Amino acid sequence: MGSAADGGALVAAFLADAGPRLDRLATLLAAPPDRADAESAAGELFALRTGAHLLGVAPVALLAGAMEGALDRLAAGESSEPLAAPLAQAAAALRHALDELGRAGASGPTLLAEPLEAAARAPAGGGPALAVASPPDGAPAP
């Protein structure tokens, strides 16, 4: 087992990697993304999702996975119009969550899952744009 210091170092490393990825994501989503930008943004989210899984931060992995899936659909040719607002909301929720992880107290990082899960299921065009199924208890998020 690793120590609490090891866990803090892992969180710090994840956040150091995630910050620039979120900045690139924001740039890529500043305007409706074309296919190449959607693919690049999905790649950034894949890396964030993977890091969140490794760190055990399932709500972040869930939201990053939902965003990645939506961007994969854009890269495949789906219209970006119904996804623009949910992606922007999800990106803001992801940034807020990572900011919260960076403010971890002595007992370690805490994160409320509800805002991230809500952003992952944000409605657009009358239906769920970023919808993902909740993982069963104990199962890793997508």
Protein backbone atom coordinates (compact mmCIF):
# COMPACT_ATOMS: atom_id res chain seq x y z
CA MET A 1 0.00 0.00 0.00
CA GLY A 2 1.14 3.51 -0.77
CA SER A 3 1.21 6.26 1.78
CA ALA A 4 -1.04 9.32 1.90
CA ALA A 5 1.92 11.28 0.55
CA ASP A 6 2.05 8.93 -2.44
CA GLY A 7 -1.66 9.53 -3.02
CA GLY A 8 -1.17 13.27 -2.83
CA ALA A 9 1.67 13.03 -5.33
CA LEU A 10 -0.53 11.04 -7.70
CA VAL A 11 -3.32 13.62 -7.45
CA ALA A 12 -0.79 16.41 -8.04
CA ALA A 13 0.63 14.63 -11.11
CA PHE A 14 -2.86 14.03 -12.50
CA LEU A 15 -3.83 17.67 -11.98
CA ALA A 16 -0.56 18.91 -13.53
CA ASP A 17 -1.38 16.87 -16.65
CA ALA A 18 -5.09 17.69 -16.64
CA GLY A 19 -4.76 21.48 -16.49
CA PRO A 20 -3.10 21.90 -19.89
CA ARG A 21 -5.43 19.28 -21.37
CA LEU A 22 -8.45 21.28 -20.19
CA ASP A 23 -6.91 24.43 -21.66
CA ARG A 24 -6.48 22.69 -25.05
CA LEU A 25 -10.02 21.33 -24.77
CA ALA A 26 -11.40 24.83 -24.12
CA THR A 27 -9.55 26.14 -27.18
CA LEU A 28 -10.85 23.29 -29.34
CA LEU A 29 -14.44 23.84 -28.14
CA ALA A 30 -14.39 27.66 -28.30
CA ALA A 31 -16.15 27.41 -31.67
CA PRO A 32 -18.14 24.50 -33.08
CA PRO A 33 -15.43 21.91 -33.70
CA ASP A 34 -14.77 20.50 -37.14
CA ARG A 35 -13.98 16.80 -37.41
CA ALA A 36 -10.25 17.23 -36.78
CA ASP A 37 -10.84 19.40 -33.71
CA ALA A 38 -13.45 16.93 -32.41
CA GLU A 39 -10.92 14.10 -32.77
CA SER A 40 -8.25 16.14 -30.96
CA ALA A 41 -10.66 17.08 -28.17
CA ALA A 42 -11.74 13.44 -27.81
CA GLY A 43 -8.07 12.50 -27.47
CA GLU A 44 -7.61 15.00 -24.65
CA LEU A 45 -10.67 13.56 -22.92
CA PHE A 46 -9.44 10.00 -23.40
CA ALA A 47 -6.27 10.94 -21.53
CA LEU A 48 -8.28 12.67 -18.77
CA ARG A 49 -10.66 9.70 -18.48
CA THR A 50 -7.78 7.24 -18.27
CA GLY A 51 -5.98 9.28 -15.61
CA ALA A 52 -9.18 9.64 -13.61
CA HIS A 53 -9.72 5.86 -13.75
CA LEU A 54 -6.19 5.21 -12.55
CA LEU A 55 -6.65 7.69 -9.73
CA GLY A 56 -10.03 6.19 -8.79
CA VAL A 57 -12.04 9.35 -9.48
CA ALA A 58 -15.01 7.68 -11.16
CA PRO A 59 -17.23 10.80 -11.54
CA VAL A 60 -14.50 12.58 -13.52
CA ALA A 61 -13.95 9.47 -15.64
CA LEU A 62 -17.71 9.21 -16.26
CA LEU A 63 -18.00 12.80 -17.45
CA ALA A 64 -14.83 12.68 -19.54
CA GLY A 65 -16.08 9.46 -21.14
CA ALA A 66 -19.46 10.99 -21.95
CA MET A 67 -17.79 14.03 -23.50
CA GLU A 68 -15.38 11.82 -25.42
CA GLY A 69 -18.29 9.82 -26.83
CA ALA A 70 -20.10 12.98 -27.94
CA LEU A 71 -16.96 14.26 -29.62
CA ASP A 72 -16.46 10.90 -31.33
CA ARG A 73 -19.97 11.34 -32.75
CA LEU A 74 -19.03 14.82 -34.01
CA ALA A 75 -15.86 13.42 -35.59
CA ALA A 76 -18.07 10.86 -37.34
CA GLY A 77 -20.16 13.66 -38.85
CA GLU A 78 -22.97 14.34 -36.37
CA SER A 79 -24.08 17.98 -36.20
CA SER A 80 -22.31 19.98 -33.52
CA GLU A 81 -25.22 22.37 -32.90
CA PRO A 82 -27.18 20.23 -30.41
CA LEU A 83 -23.99 19.24 -28.59
CA ALA A 84 -22.39 22.67 -28.19
CA ALA A 85 -24.19 23.74 -25.00
CA PRO A 86 -23.95 20.36 -23.23
CA LEU A 87 -20.24 20.12 -24.09
CA ALA A 88 -19.62 23.62 -22.75
CA GLN A 89 -21.53 22.81 -19.55
CA ALA A 90 -19.65 19.54 -19.18
CA ALA A 91 -16.28 21.22 -19.74
CA ALA A 92 -17.09 23.78 -17.03
CA ALA A 93 -18.17 21.01 -14.63
CA LEU A 94 -14.97 19.09 -15.37
CA ARG A 95 -12.82 22.17 -14.73
CA HIS A 96 -14.66 22.82 -11.45
CA ALA A 97 -14.21 19.21 -10.34
CA LEU A 98 -10.49 19.29 -11.01
CA ASP A 99 -10.21 22.61 -9.16
CA GLU A 100 -11.93 20.92 -6.20
CA LEU A 101 -9.50 18.00 -6.35
CA GLY A 102 -6.68 20.52 -6.18
CA ARG A 103 -8.08 21.94 -2.94
CA ALA A 104 -7.86 18.65 -1.08
CA GLY A 105 -7.77 18.93 2.68
CA ALA A 106 -5.93 16.82 5.21
CA SER A 107 -8.41 13.98 4.74
CA GLY A 108 -7.73 13.87 1.00
CA PRO A 109 -9.67 15.04 -2.01
CA THR A 110 -13.44 15.10 -1.95
CA LEU A 111 -15.64 15.45 -4.97
CA LEU A 112 -19.39 15.63 -5.36
CA ALA A 113 -20.46 13.24 -8.10
CA GLU A 114 -23.91 14.74 -8.76
CA PRO A 115 -22.83 17.82 -10.75
CA LEU A 116 -20.58 15.70 -12.94
CA GLU A 117 -23.23 13.07 -13.51
CA ALA A 118 -25.78 15.79 -14.33
CA ALA A 119 -23.41 17.32 -16.88
CA ALA A 120 -22.85 13.90 -18.43
CA ARG A 121 -26.58 13.60 -18.98
CA ALA A 122 -27.22 17.19 -20.13
CA PRO A 123 -30.20 17.36 -22.49
CA ALA A 124 -29.88 18.73 -25.99
CA GLY A 125 -32.27 18.67 -28.89
CA GLY A 126 -34.96 17.00 -26.80
CA GLY A 127 -32.82 14.06 -25.78
CA PRO A 128 -29.71 13.19 -23.82
CA ALA A 129 -26.68 14.48 -25.72
CA LEU A 130 -23.94 13.18 -23.50
CA ALA A 131 -25.93 10.32 -21.98
CA VAL A 132 -24.04 7.43 -20.49
CA ALA A 133 -25.24 4.60 -18.35
CA SER A 134 -24.25 4.70 -14.71
CA PRO A 135 -21.83 1.90 -13.92
CA PRO A 136 -23.05 -0.77 -11.52
CA ASP A 137 -21.80 -0.37 -7.96
CA GLY A 138 -18.15 -1.28 -7.82
CA ALA A 139 -17.70 -1.20 -11.60
CA PRO A 140 -15.39 1.32 -13.24
CA ALA A 141 -17.02 4.21 -15.10
CA PRO A 142 -16.68 4.24 -18.89
